[in-house]
Structures are given as C-alpha cells and as structure tokens.
mmCIF file of all heavy atoms, coordinates in Angstrom:
data_MODEL
# 
_entry.id   MODEL 
# 
loop_
_atom_site.group_PDB 
_atom_site.id 
_atom_site.type_symbol 
_atom_site.label_atom_id 
_atom_site.label_alt_id 
_atom_site.label_comp_id 
_atom_site.label_asym_id 
_atom_site.label_entity_id 
_atom_site.label_seq_id 
_atom_site.pdbx_PDB_ins_code 
_atom_site.Cartn_x 
_atom_site.Cartn_y 
_atom_site.Cartn_z 
_atom_site.occupancy 
_atom_site.B_iso_or_equiv 
_atom_site.pdbx_formal_charge 
_atom_site.auth_seq_id 
_atom_site.auth_comp_id 
_atom_site.auth_asym_id 
_atom_site.auth_atom_id 
_atom_site.pdbx_PDB_model_num 
ATOM 1   N N   . ARG A 1 1  ? -22.643 31.728 31.899 1.00 0.00 ? 1  ARG A N   1 
ATOM 2   C CA  . ARG A 1 1  ? -23.258 31.580 30.572 1.00 0.00 ? 1  ARG A CA  1 
ATOM 3   C C   . ARG A 1 1  ? -23.865 30.188 30.398 1.00 0.00 ? 1  ARG A C   1 
ATOM 4   O O   . ARG A 1 1  ? -24.943 30.027 29.830 1.00 0.00 ? 1  ARG A O   1 
ATOM 5   C CB  . ARG A 1 1  ? -22.218 31.852 29.486 1.00 0.00 ? 1  ARG A CB  1 
ATOM 6   C CG  . ARG A 1 1  ? -22.810 31.886 28.096 1.00 0.00 ? 1  ARG A CG  1 
ATOM 7   C CD  . ARG A 1 1  ? -21.775 32.320 27.092 1.00 0.00 ? 1  ARG A CD  1 
ATOM 8   N NE  . ARG A 1 1  ? -21.480 31.182 26.245 1.00 0.00 ? 1  ARG A NE  1 
ATOM 9   C CZ  . ARG A 1 1  ? -20.431 31.079 25.460 1.00 0.00 ? 1  ARG A CZ  1 
ATOM 10  N NH1 . ARG A 1 1  ? -19.533 32.040 25.413 1.00 0.00 ? 1  ARG A NH1 1 
ATOM 11  N NH2 . ARG A 1 1  ? -20.248 30.025 24.724 1.00 0.00 ? 1  ARG A NH2 1 
ATOM 12  N N   . GLY A 1 2  ? -23.186 29.172 30.897 1.00 0.00 ? 2  GLY A N   1 
ATOM 13  C CA  . GLY A 1 2  ? -23.709 27.810 30.829 1.00 0.00 ? 2  GLY A CA  1 
ATOM 14  C C   . GLY A 1 2  ? -24.945 27.624 31.686 1.00 0.00 ? 2  GLY A C   1 
ATOM 15  O O   . GLY A 1 2  ? -25.892 26.933 31.286 1.00 0.00 ? 2  GLY A O   1 
ATOM 16  N N   . ARG A 1 3  ? -24.948 28.240 32.861 1.00 0.00 ? 3  ARG A N   1 
ATOM 17  C CA  . ARG A 1 3  ? -26.118 28.146 33.742 1.00 0.00 ? 3  ARG A CA  1 
ATOM 18  C C   . ARG A 1 3  ? -27.325 28.871 33.150 1.00 0.00 ? 3  ARG A C   1 
ATOM 19  O O   . ARG A 1 3  ? -28.465 28.549 33.477 1.00 0.00 ? 3  ARG A O   1 
ATOM 20  C CB  . ARG A 1 3  ? -25.783 28.678 35.137 1.00 0.00 ? 3  ARG A CB  1 
ATOM 21  C CG  . ARG A 1 3  ? -24.820 27.769 35.902 1.00 0.00 ? 3  ARG A CG  1 
ATOM 22  C CD  . ARG A 1 3  ? -24.665 28.164 37.364 1.00 0.00 ? 3  ARG A CD  1 
ATOM 23  N NE  . ARG A 1 3  ? -24.290 29.555 37.563 1.00 0.00 ? 3  ARG A NE  1 
ATOM 24  C CZ  . ARG A 1 3  ? -23.037 30.020 37.568 1.00 0.00 ? 3  ARG A CZ  1 
ATOM 25  N NH1 . ARG A 1 3  ? -22.026 29.187 37.371 1.00 0.00 ? 3  ARG A NH1 1 
ATOM 26  N NH2 . ARG A 1 3  ? -22.790 31.297 37.761 1.00 0.00 ? 3  ARG A NH2 1 
ATOM 27  N N   . ARG A 1 4  ? -27.087 29.833 32.266 1.00 0.00 ? 4  ARG A N   1 
ATOM 28  C CA  . ARG A 1 4  ? -28.193 30.509 31.561 1.00 0.00 ? 4  ARG A CA  1 
ATOM 29  C C   . ARG A 1 4  ? -28.641 29.709 30.333 1.00 0.00 ? 4  ARG A C   1 
ATOM 30  O O   . ARG A 1 4  ? -29.832 29.640 30.036 1.00 0.00 ? 4  ARG A O   1 
ATOM 31  C CB  . ARG A 1 4  ? -27.775 31.913 31.129 1.00 0.00 ? 4  ARG A CB  1 
ATOM 32  C CG  . ARG A 1 4  ? -27.654 32.912 32.260 1.00 0.00 ? 4  ARG A CG  1 
ATOM 33  C CD  . ARG A 1 4  ? -27.456 34.339 31.754 1.00 0.00 ? 4  ARG A CD  1 
ATOM 34  N NE  . ARG A 1 4  ? -26.317 34.479 30.855 1.00 0.00 ? 4  ARG A NE  1 
ATOM 35  C CZ  . ARG A 1 4  ? -25.067 34.758 31.231 1.00 0.00 ? 4  ARG A CZ  1 
ATOM 36  N NH1 . ARG A 1 4  ? -24.786 34.928 32.517 1.00 0.00 ? 4  ARG A NH1 1 
ATOM 37  N NH2 . ARG A 1 4  ? -24.098 34.887 30.345 1.00 0.00 ? 4  ARG A NH2 1 
ATOM 38  N N   . ALA A 1 5  ? -27.700 29.130 29.606 1.00 0.00 ? 5  ALA A N   1 
ATOM 39  C CA  . ALA A 1 5  ? -28.022 28.431 28.356 1.00 0.00 ? 5  ALA A CA  1 
ATOM 40  C C   . ALA A 1 5  ? -28.757 27.107 28.590 1.00 0.00 ? 5  ALA A C   1 
ATOM 41  O O   . ALA A 1 5  ? -29.661 26.750 27.830 1.00 0.00 ? 5  ALA A O   1 
ATOM 42  C CB  . ALA A 1 5  ? -26.751 28.181 27.547 1.00 0.00 ? 5  ALA A CB  1 
ATOM 43  N N   . ALA A 1 6  ? -28.379 26.370 29.622 1.00 0.00 ? 6  ALA A N   1 
ATOM 44  C CA  . ALA A 1 6  ? -28.979 25.049 29.842 1.00 0.00 ? 6  ALA A CA  1 
ATOM 45  C C   . ALA A 1 6  ? -30.497 25.117 30.038 1.00 0.00 ? 6  ALA A C   1 
ATOM 46  O O   . ALA A 1 6  ? -31.229 24.331 29.421 1.00 0.00 ? 6  ALA A O   1 
ATOM 47  C CB  . ALA A 1 6  ? -28.286 24.340 31.000 1.00 0.00 ? 6  ALA A CB  1 
ATOM 48  N N   . PRO A 1 7  ? -31.031 26.024 30.847 1.00 0.00 ? 7  PRO A N   1 
ATOM 49  C CA  . PRO A 1 7  ? -32.492 26.094 30.972 1.00 0.00 ? 7  PRO A CA  1 
ATOM 50  C C   . PRO A 1 7  ? -33.199 26.506 29.672 1.00 0.00 ? 7  PRO A C   1 
ATOM 51  O O   . PRO A 1 7  ? -34.311 26.054 29.397 1.00 0.00 ? 7  PRO A O   1 
ATOM 52  C CB  . PRO A 1 7  ? -32.710 27.145 32.069 1.00 0.00 ? 7  PRO A CB  1 
ATOM 53  C CG  . PRO A 1 7  ? -31.446 27.134 32.863 1.00 0.00 ? 7  PRO A CG  1 
ATOM 54  C CD  . PRO A 1 7  ? -30.370 26.871 31.850 1.00 0.00 ? 7  PRO A CD  1 
ATOM 55  N N   . VAL A 1 8  ? -32.556 27.332 28.874 1.00 0.00 ? 8  VAL A N   1 
ATOM 56  C CA  . VAL A 1 8  ? -33.122 27.700 27.569 1.00 0.00 ? 8  VAL A CA  1 
ATOM 57  C C   . VAL A 1 8  ? -33.213 26.456 26.690 1.00 0.00 ? 8  VAL A C   1 
ATOM 58  O O   . VAL A 1 8  ? -34.230 26.207 26.030 1.00 0.00 ? 8  VAL A O   1 
ATOM 59  C CB  . VAL A 1 8  ? -32.279 28.810 26.897 1.00 0.00 ? 8  VAL A CB  1 
ATOM 60  C CG1 . VAL A 1 8  ? -32.719 29.051 25.466 1.00 0.00 ? 8  VAL A CG1 1 
ATOM 61  C CG2 . VAL A 1 8  ? -32.352 30.096 27.713 1.00 0.00 ? 8  VAL A CG2 1 
ATOM 62  N N   . MET A 1 9  ? -32.157 25.655 26.690 1.00 0.00 ? 9  MET A N   1 
ATOM 63  C CA  . MET A 1 9  ? -32.177 24.402 25.925 1.00 0.00 ? 9  MET A CA  1 
ATOM 64  C C   . MET A 1 9  ? -33.239 23.459 26.481 1.00 0.00 ? 9  MET A C   1 
ATOM 65  O O   . MET A 1 9  ? -33.925 22.777 25.717 1.00 0.00 ? 9  MET A O   1 
ATOM 66  C CB  . MET A 1 9  ? -30.807 23.735 25.957 1.00 0.00 ? 9  MET A CB  1 
ATOM 67  C CG  . MET A 1 9  ? -29.757 24.420 25.105 1.00 0.00 ? 9  MET A CG  1 
ATOM 68  S SD  . MET A 1 9  ? -30.219 24.526 23.345 1.00 0.00 ? 9  MET A SD  1 
ATOM 69  C CE  . MET A 1 9  ? -30.201 22.806 22.896 1.00 0.00 ? 9  MET A CE  1 
ATOM 70  N N   . ALA A 1 10 ? -33.372 23.430 27.794 1.00 0.00 ? 10 ALA A N   1 
ATOM 71  C CA  . ALA A 1 10 ? -34.370 22.549 28.409 1.00 0.00 ? 10 ALA A CA  1 
ATOM 72  C C   . ALA A 1 10 ? -35.772 22.870 27.900 1.00 0.00 ? 10 ALA A C   1 
ATOM 73  O O   . ALA A 1 10 ? -36.548 21.958 27.589 1.00 0.00 ? 10 ALA A O   1 
ATOM 74  C CB  . ALA A 1 10 ? -34.315 22.667 29.930 1.00 0.00 ? 10 ALA A CB  1 
ATOM 75  N N   . GLU A 1 11 ? -36.098 24.146 27.800 1.00 0.00 ? 11 GLU A N   1 
ATOM 76  C CA  . GLU A 1 11 ? -37.431 24.519 27.305 1.00 0.00 ? 11 GLU A CA  1 
ATOM 77  C C   . GLU A 1 11 ? -37.619 24.096 25.852 1.00 0.00 ? 11 GLU A C   1 
ATOM 78  O O   . GLU A 1 11 ? -38.696 23.627 25.471 1.00 0.00 ? 11 GLU A O   1 
ATOM 79  C CB  . GLU A 1 11 ? -37.673 26.012 27.491 1.00 0.00 ? 11 GLU A CB  1 
ATOM 80  C CG  . GLU A 1 11 ? -37.834 26.403 28.948 1.00 0.00 ? 11 GLU A CG  1 
ATOM 81  C CD  . GLU A 1 11 ? -38.841 25.531 29.685 1.00 0.00 ? 11 GLU A CD  1 
ATOM 82  O OE1 . GLU A 1 11 ? -39.988 25.376 29.211 1.00 0.00 ? 11 GLU A OE1 1 
ATOM 83  O OE2 . GLU A 1 11 ? -38.477 24.985 30.748 1.00 0.00 ? 11 GLU A OE2 1 
ATOM 84  N N   . ALA A 1 12 ? -36.590 24.241 25.039 1.00 0.00 ? 12 ALA A N   1 
ATOM 85  C CA  . ALA A 1 12 ? -36.677 23.809 23.640 1.00 0.00 ? 12 ALA A CA  1 
ATOM 86  C C   . ALA A 1 12 ? -36.822 22.293 23.555 1.00 0.00 ? 12 ALA A C   1 
ATOM 87  O O   . ALA A 1 12 ? -37.572 21.776 22.722 1.00 0.00 ? 12 ALA A O   1 
ATOM 88  C CB  . ALA A 1 12 ? -35.448 24.279 22.870 1.00 0.00 ? 12 ALA A CB  1 
ATOM 89  N N   . LEU A 1 13 ? -36.129 21.574 24.418 1.00 0.00 ? 13 LEU A N   1 
ATOM 90  C CA  . LEU A 1 13 ? -36.223 20.111 24.421 1.00 0.00 ? 13 LEU A CA  1 
ATOM 91  C C   . LEU A 1 13 ? -37.582 19.654 24.938 1.00 0.00 ? 13 LEU A C   1 
ATOM 92  O O   . LEU A 1 13 ? -38.150 18.688 24.431 1.00 0.00 ? 13 LEU A O   1 
ATOM 93  C CB  . LEU A 1 13 ? -35.091 19.513 25.254 1.00 0.00 ? 13 LEU A CB  1 
ATOM 94  C CG  . LEU A 1 13 ? -33.693 19.741 24.677 1.00 0.00 ? 13 LEU A CG  1 
ATOM 95  C CD1 . LEU A 1 13 ? -32.627 19.289 25.660 1.00 0.00 ? 13 LEU A CD1 1 
ATOM 96  C CD2 . LEU A 1 13 ? -33.529 19.062 23.337 1.00 0.00 ? 13 LEU A CD2 1 
ATOM 97  N N   . ARG A 1 14 ? -38.122 20.354 25.921 1.00 0.00 ? 14 ARG A N   1 
ATOM 98  C CA  . ARG A 1 14 ? -39.453 20.010 26.432 1.00 0.00 ? 14 ARG A CA  1 
ATOM 99  C C   . ARG A 1 14 ? -40.483 20.110 25.296 1.00 0.00 ? 14 ARG A C   1 
ATOM 100 O O   . ARG A 1 14 ? -41.368 19.276 25.163 1.00 0.00 ? 14 ARG A O   1 
ATOM 101 C CB  . ARG A 1 14 ? -39.853 20.929 27.575 1.00 0.00 ? 14 ARG A CB  1 
ATOM 102 C CG  . ARG A 1 14 ? -41.222 20.560 28.159 1.00 0.00 ? 14 ARG A CG  1 
ATOM 103 C CD  . ARG A 1 14 ? -41.799 21.616 29.099 1.00 0.00 ? 14 ARG A CD  1 
ATOM 104 N NE  . ARG A 1 14 ? -40.879 22.207 30.021 1.00 0.00 ? 14 ARG A NE  1 
ATOM 105 C CZ  . ARG A 1 14 ? -40.623 21.758 31.248 1.00 0.00 ? 14 ARG A CZ  1 
ATOM 106 N NH1 . ARG A 1 14 ? -41.203 20.665 31.680 1.00 0.00 ? 14 ARG A NH1 1 
ATOM 107 N NH2 . ARG A 1 14 ? -39.794 22.401 32.042 1.00 0.00 ? 14 ARG A NH2 1 
ATOM 108 N N   . ALA A 1 15 ? -40.352 21.123 24.458 1.00 0.00 ? 15 ALA A N   1 
ATOM 109 C CA  . ALA A 1 15 ? -41.284 21.315 23.342 1.00 0.00 ? 15 ALA A CA  1 
ATOM 110 C C   . ALA A 1 15 ? -41.201 20.167 22.335 1.00 0.00 ? 15 ALA A C   1 
ATOM 111 O O   . ALA A 1 15 ? -42.163 19.915 21.614 1.00 0.00 ? 15 ALA A O   1 
ATOM 112 C CB  . ALA A 1 15 ? -41.003 22.641 22.653 1.00 0.00 ? 15 ALA A CB  1 
ATOM 113 N N   . GLN A 1 16 ? -40.080 19.471 22.292 1.00 0.00 ? 16 GLN A N   1 
ATOM 114 C CA  . GLN A 1 16 ? -39.905 18.354 21.353 1.00 0.00 ? 16 GLN A CA  1 
ATOM 115 C C   . GLN A 1 16 ? -40.533 17.060 21.873 1.00 0.00 ? 16 GLN A C   1 
ATOM 116 O O   . GLN A 1 16 ? -40.635 16.088 21.131 1.00 0.00 ? 16 GLN A O   1 
ATOM 117 C CB  . GLN A 1 16 ? -38.418 18.118 21.090 1.00 0.00 ? 16 GLN A CB  1 
ATOM 118 C CG  . GLN A 1 16 ? -37.717 19.320 20.530 1.00 0.00 ? 16 GLN A CG  1 
ATOM 119 C CD  . GLN A 1 16 ? -37.150 19.076 19.167 1.00 0.00 ? 16 GLN A CD  1 
ATOM 120 O OE1 . GLN A 1 16 ? -36.993 17.953 18.732 1.00 0.00 ? 16 GLN A OE1 1 
ATOM 121 N NE2 . GLN A 1 16 ? -36.859 20.145 18.474 1.00 0.00 ? 16 GLN A NE2 1 
ATOM 122 N N   . ALA A 1 17 ? -40.916 17.032 23.155 1.00 0.00 ? 17 ALA A N   1 
ATOM 123 C CA  . ALA A 1 17 ? -41.556 15.861 23.774 1.00 0.00 ? 17 ALA A CA  1 
ATOM 124 C C   . ALA A 1 17 ? -40.726 14.591 23.572 1.00 0.00 ? 17 ALA A C   1 
ATOM 125 O O   . ALA A 1 17 ? -41.234 13.555 23.166 1.00 0.00 ? 17 ALA A O   1 
ATOM 126 C CB  . ALA A 1 17 ? -42.978 15.682 23.243 1.00 0.00 ? 17 ALA A CB  1 
ATOM 127 N N   . LEU A 1 18 ? -39.449 14.683 23.874 1.00 0.00 ? 18 LEU A N   1 
ATOM 128 C CA  . LEU A 1 18 ? -38.541 13.546 23.744 1.00 0.00 ? 18 LEU A CA  1 
ATOM 129 C C   . LEU A 1 18 ? -38.620 12.684 24.996 1.00 0.00 ? 18 LEU A C   1 
ATOM 130 O O   . LEU A 1 18 ? -38.823 13.189 26.093 1.00 0.00 ? 18 LEU A O   1 
ATOM 131 C CB  . LEU A 1 18 ? -37.110 14.039 23.560 1.00 0.00 ? 18 LEU A CB  1 
ATOM 132 C CG  . LEU A 1 18 ? -36.896 15.025 22.414 1.00 0.00 ? 18 LEU A CG  1 
ATOM 133 C CD1 . LEU A 1 18 ? -35.495 15.619 22.481 1.00 0.00 ? 18 LEU A CD1 1 
ATOM 134 C CD2 . LEU A 1 18 ? -37.128 14.348 21.087 1.00 0.00 ? 18 LEU A CD2 1 
ATOM 135 N N   . ALA A 1 19 ? -38.442 11.381 24.819 1.00 0.00 ? 19 ALA A N   1 
ATOM 136 C CA  . ALA A 1 19 ? -38.501 10.465 25.961 1.00 0.00 ? 19 ALA A CA  1 
ATOM 137 C C   . ALA A 1 19 ? -37.423 9.395  25.819 1.00 0.00 ? 19 ALA A C   1 
ATOM 138 O O   . ALA A 1 19 ? -37.710 8.252  25.460 1.00 0.00 ? 19 ALA A O   1 
ATOM 139 C CB  . ALA A 1 19 ? -39.881 9.836  26.052 1.00 0.00 ? 19 ALA A CB  1 
ATOM 140 N N   . PRO A 1 20 ? -36.164 9.746  26.100 1.00 0.00 ? 20 PRO A N   1 
ATOM 141 C CA  . PRO A 1 20 ? -35.118 8.718  26.011 1.00 0.00 ? 20 PRO A CA  1 
ATOM 142 C C   . PRO A 1 20 ? -35.367 7.607  27.029 1.00 0.00 ? 20 PRO A C   1 
ATOM 143 O O   . PRO A 1 20 ? -35.876 7.860  28.129 1.00 0.00 ? 20 PRO A O   1 
ATOM 144 C CB  . PRO A 1 20 ? -33.829 9.487  26.325 1.00 0.00 ? 20 PRO A CB  1 
ATOM 145 C CG  . PRO A 1 20 ? -34.252 10.715 27.040 1.00 0.00 ? 20 PRO A CG  1 
ATOM 146 C CD  . PRO A 1 20 ? -35.642 11.026 26.559 1.00 0.00 ? 20 PRO A CD  1 
ATOM 147 N N   . GLY A 1 21 ? -35.003 6.396  26.651 1.00 0.00 ? 21 GLY A N   1 
ATOM 148 C CA  . GLY A 1 21 ? -35.168 5.267  27.557 1.00 0.00 ? 21 GLY A CA  1 
ATOM 149 C C   . GLY A 1 21 ? -34.113 5.243  28.646 1.00 0.00 ? 21 GLY A C   1 
ATOM 150 O O   . GLY A 1 21 ? -34.310 4.628  29.694 1.00 0.00 ? 21 GLY A O   1 
ATOM 151 N N   . LEU A 1 22 ? -32.985 5.910  28.391 1.00 0.00 ? 22 LEU A N   1 
ATOM 152 C CA  . LEU A 1 22 ? -31.878 5.936  29.344 1.00 0.00 ? 22 LEU A CA  1 
ATOM 153 C C   . LEU A 1 22 ? -31.051 7.186  29.083 1.00 0.00 ? 22 LEU A C   1 
ATOM 154 O O   . LEU A 1 22 ? -30.875 7.583  27.926 1.00 0.00 ? 22 LEU A O   1 
ATOM 155 C CB  . LEU A 1 22 ? -30.991 4.693  29.161 1.00 0.00 ? 22 LEU A CB  1 
ATOM 156 C CG  . LEU A 1 22 ? -29.711 4.603  29.993 1.00 0.00 ? 22 LEU A CG  1 
ATOM 157 C CD1 . LEU A 1 22 ? -30.031 4.484  31.489 1.00 0.00 ? 22 LEU A CD1 1 
ATOM 158 C CD2 . LEU A 1 22 ? -28.868 3.418  29.523 1.00 0.00 ? 22 LEU A CD2 1 
ATOM 159 N N   . VAL A 1 23 ? -30.547 7.781  30.144 1.00 0.00 ? 23 VAL A N   1 
ATOM 160 C CA  . VAL A 1 23 ? -29.617 8.901  30.031 1.00 0.00 ? 23 VAL A CA  1 
ATOM 161 C C   . VAL A 1 23 ? -28.289 8.449  30.600 1.00 0.00 ? 23 VAL A C   1 
ATOM 162 O O   . VAL A 1 23 ? -28.224 7.924  31.715 1.00 0.00 ? 23 VAL A O   1 
ATOM 163 C CB  . VAL A 1 23 ? -30.119 10.144 30.790 1.00 0.00 ? 23 VAL A CB  1 
ATOM 164 C CG1 . VAL A 1 23 ? -29.075 11.255 30.755 1.00 0.00 ? 23 VAL A CG1 1 
ATOM 165 C CG2 . VAL A 1 23 ? -31.435 10.624 30.207 1.00 0.00 ? 23 VAL A CG2 1 
ATOM 166 N N   . LEU A 1 24 ? -27.243 8.628  29.815 1.00 0.00 ? 24 LEU A N   1 
ATOM 167 C CA  . LEU A 1 24 ? -25.872 8.333  30.229 1.00 0.00 ? 24 LEU A CA  1 
ATOM 168 C C   . LEU A 1 24 ? -25.138 9.661  30.316 1.00 0.00 ? 24 LEU A C   1 
ATOM 169 O O   . LEU A 1 24 ? -25.062 10.392 29.333 1.00 0.00 ? 24 LEU A O   1 
ATOM 170 C CB  . LEU A 1 24 ? -25.192 7.419  29.215 1.00 0.00 ? 24 LEU A CB  1 
ATOM 171 C CG  . LEU A 1 24 ? -25.848 6.064  29.002 1.00 0.00 ? 24 LEU A CG  1 
ATOM 172 C CD1 . LEU A 1 24 ? -25.183 5.334  27.840 1.00 0.00 ? 24 LEU A CD1 1 
ATOM 173 C CD2 . LEU A 1 24 ? -25.785 5.232  30.277 1.00 0.00 ? 24 LEU A CD2 1 
ATOM 174 N N   . CYS A 1 25 ? -24.615 9.964  31.484 1.00 0.00 ? 25 CYS A N   1 
ATOM 175 C CA  . CYS A 1 25 ? -23.991 11.261 31.713 1.00 0.00 ? 25 CYS A CA  1 
ATOM 176 C C   . CYS A 1 25 ? -22.555 11.078 32.174 1.00 0.00 ? 25 CYS A C   1 
ATOM 177 O O   . CYS A 1 25 ? -22.266 10.254 33.046 1.00 0.00 ? 25 CYS A O   1 
ATOM 178 C CB  . CYS A 1 25 ? -24.783 12.026 32.776 1.00 0.00 ? 25 CYS A CB  1 
ATOM 179 S SG  . CYS A 1 25 ? -24.197 13.701 33.098 1.00 0.00 ? 25 CYS A SG  1 
ATOM 180 N N   . SER A 1 26 ? -21.668 11.852 31.601 1.00 0.00 ? 26 SER A N   1 
ATOM 181 C CA  . SER A 1 26 ? -20.290 11.908 32.062 1.00 0.00 ? 26 SER A CA  1 
ATOM 182 C C   . SER A 1 26 ? -20.265 12.309 33.530 1.00 0.00 ? 26 SER A C   1 
ATOM 183 O O   . SER A 1 26 ? -21.127 13.055 33.998 1.00 0.00 ? 26 SER A O   1 
ATOM 184 C CB  . SER A 1 26 ? -19.520 12.941 31.227 1.00 0.00 ? 26 SER A CB  1 
ATOM 185 O OG  . SER A 1 26 ? -18.315 13.312 31.850 1.00 0.00 ? 26 SER A OG  1 
ATOM 186 N N   . THR A 1 27 ? -19.260 11.851 34.237 1.00 0.00 ? 27 THR A N   1 
ATOM 187 C CA  . THR A 1 27 ? -19.115 12.226 35.650 1.00 0.00 ? 27 THR A CA  1 
ATOM 188 C C   . THR A 1 27 ? -18.483 13.596 35.834 1.00 0.00 ? 27 THR A C   1 
ATOM 189 O O   . THR A 1 27 ? -18.399 14.087 36.963 1.00 0.00 ? 27 THR A O   1 
ATOM 190 C CB  . THR A 1 27 ? -18.262 11.187 36.402 1.00 0.00 ? 27 THR A CB  1 
ATOM 191 O OG1 . THR A 1 27 ? -17.000 11.069 35.736 1.00 0.00 ? 27 THR A OG1 1 
ATOM 192 C CG2 . THR A 1 27 ? -18.965 9.848  36.488 1.00 0.00 ? 27 THR A CG2 1 
# 
C-alpha cells in the first residue's frame, strides 16, 4: 500500500512545483 501511495503523492507534489533547499530524511 505504501509503495502504491508514494508515487500518487509524488505526482500531486510535482503539480505544486515545490523546490525545497534541503531534504532531511530519517534513516
């Protein structure tokens, strides 16, 4: 379910044209 949801979110985020200066990700 997570592997399906993440790409859907990615497309919605792409439409927002966001450009963070840095990404901090948990390990």
